[in-house]
Amino acid sequence: MPDKTLTCKDCGAEFIFSEGEQNFFAEKGFDSDPVRCPQCRKARKAQRQNHNHRNYDR
């Protein structure tokens, strides 16, 4: 399974989806390739965590 070059749906940057990452995704049962680059995935995760913390403060 060769590396794949994908395009991030958020920032439009190209990123490599390596063979190792593809195997990891397959082991976890994920059927599709990632749609965001690692930087945008990290930013989105942080945004979700901040949103969840605000909801607990109510």
C-alpha atoms as a PDB file:
ATOM      1  CA  MET A   1       0.000   0.000   0.000  1.00  0.00           C
ATOM      2  CA  PRO A   2       1.860   3.132  -1.172  1.00  0.00           C
ATOM      3  CA  ASP A   3       1.717   6.550   0.494  1.00  0.00           C
ATOM      4  CA  LYS A   4      -1.147   8.775  -0.703  1.00  0.00           C
ATOM      5  CA  THR A   5      -1.120  12.520  -1.275  1.00  0.00           C
ATOM      6  CA  LEU A   6      -4.377  14.030  -0.046  1.00  0.00           C
ATOM      7  CA  THR A   7      -5.757  17.578   0.050  1.00  0.00           C
ATOM      8  CA  CYS A   8      -7.089  19.066   3.298  1.00  0.00           C
ATOM      9  CA  LYS A   9     -10.722  20.172   3.057  1.00  0.00           C
ATOM     10  CA  ASP A  10     -10.144  23.027   5.543  1.00  0.00           C
ATOM     11  CA  CYS A  11      -6.897  24.707   4.443  1.00  0.00           C
ATOM     12  CA  GLY A  12      -6.373  23.193   0.984  1.00  0.00           C
ATOM     13  CA  ALA A  13      -2.820  22.029   1.750  1.00  0.00           C
ATOM     14  CA  GLU A  14      -1.571  18.723   0.414  1.00  0.00           C
ATOM     15  CA  PHE A  15      -0.428  16.172   2.974  1.00  0.00           C
ATOM     16  CA  ILE A  16       0.923  12.633   2.905  1.00  0.00           C
ATOM     17  CA  PHE A  17      -1.202   9.785   4.229  1.00  0.00           C
ATOM     18  CA  SER A  18       1.598   7.310   4.845  1.00  0.00           C
ATOM     19  CA  GLU A  19       1.422   3.573   4.510  1.00  0.00           C
ATOM     20  CA  GLY A  20       1.804   3.247   8.289  1.00  0.00           C
ATOM     21  CA  GLU A  21      -1.065   5.669   8.912  1.00  0.00           C
ATOM     22  CA  GLN A  22      -3.214   3.775   6.405  1.00  0.00           C
ATOM     23  CA  ASN A  23      -2.533   0.522   8.276  1.00  0.00           C
ATOM     24  CA  PHE A  24      -3.366   2.195  11.604  1.00  0.00           C
ATOM     25  CA  PHE A  25      -6.659   3.551  10.219  1.00  0.00           C
ATOM     26  CA  ALA A  26      -7.518   0.084   8.844  1.00  0.00           C
ATOM     27  CA  GLU A  27      -6.765  -1.558  12.221  1.00  0.00           C
ATOM     28  CA  LYS A  28      -9.089   0.919  13.940  1.00  0.00           C
ATOM     29  CA  GLY A  29     -11.860   0.121  11.453  1.00  0.00           C
ATOM     30  CA  PHE A  30     -11.912   3.500   9.705  1.00  0.00           C
ATOM     31  CA  ASP A  31     -13.253   3.023   6.185  1.00  0.00           C
ATOM     32  CA  SER A  32     -12.278   6.357   4.639  1.00  0.00           C
ATOM     33  CA  ASP A  33      -9.149   8.446   4.309  1.00  0.00           C
ATOM     34  CA  PRO A  34      -8.729  11.530   6.496  1.00  0.00           C
ATOM     35  CA  VAL A  35     -10.111  14.748   5.008  1.00  0.00           C
ATOM     36  CA  ARG A  36      -8.008  17.158   7.113  1.00  0.00           C
ATOM     37  CA  CYS A  37      -4.251  17.565   7.376  1.00  0.00           C
ATOM     38  CA  PRO A  38      -2.623  16.788  10.746  1.00  0.00           C
ATOM     39  CA  GLN A  39      -2.468  20.501  11.667  1.00  0.00           C
ATOM     40  CA  CYS A  40      -6.167  21.074  10.959  1.00  0.00           C
ATOM     41  CA  ARG A  41      -7.120  17.842  12.764  1.00  0.00           C
ATOM     42  CA  LYS A  42      -5.164  19.043  15.813  1.00  0.00           C
ATOM     43  CA  ALA A  43      -6.786  22.495  15.674  1.00  0.00           C
ATOM     44  CA  ARG A  44     -10.269  20.997  15.289  1.00  0.00           C
ATOM     45  CA  LYS A  45      -9.686  18.644  18.232  1.00  0.00           C
ATOM     46  CA  ALA A  46      -8.557  21.562  20.427  1.00  0.00           C
ATOM     47  CA  GLN A  47     -11.612  23.558  19.354  1.00  0.00           C
ATOM     48  CA  ARG A  48     -13.929  20.671  20.321  1.00  0.00           C
ATOM     49  CA  GLN A  49     -12.207  20.274  23.696  1.00  0.00           C
ATOM     50  CA  ASN A  50     -12.543  24.005  24.430  1.00  0.00           C
ATOM     51  CA  HIS A  51     -16.231  23.859  23.493  1.00  0.00           C
ATOM     52  CA  ASN A  52     -16.797  20.895  25.824  1.00  0.00           C
ATOM     53  CA  HIS A  53     -15.077  22.662  28.719  1.00  0.00           C
ATOM     54  CA  ARG A  54     -17.344  25.692  28.290  1.00  0.00           C
ATOM     55  CA  ASN A  55     -20.429  23.465  28.494  1.00  0.00           C
ATOM     56  CA  TYR A  56     -19.262  21.988  31.809  1.00  0.00           C
ATOM     57  CA  ASP A  57     -18.841  25.437  33.338  1.00  0.00           C
ATOM     58  CA  ARG A  58     -22.565  26.201  33.081  1.00  0.00           C
END
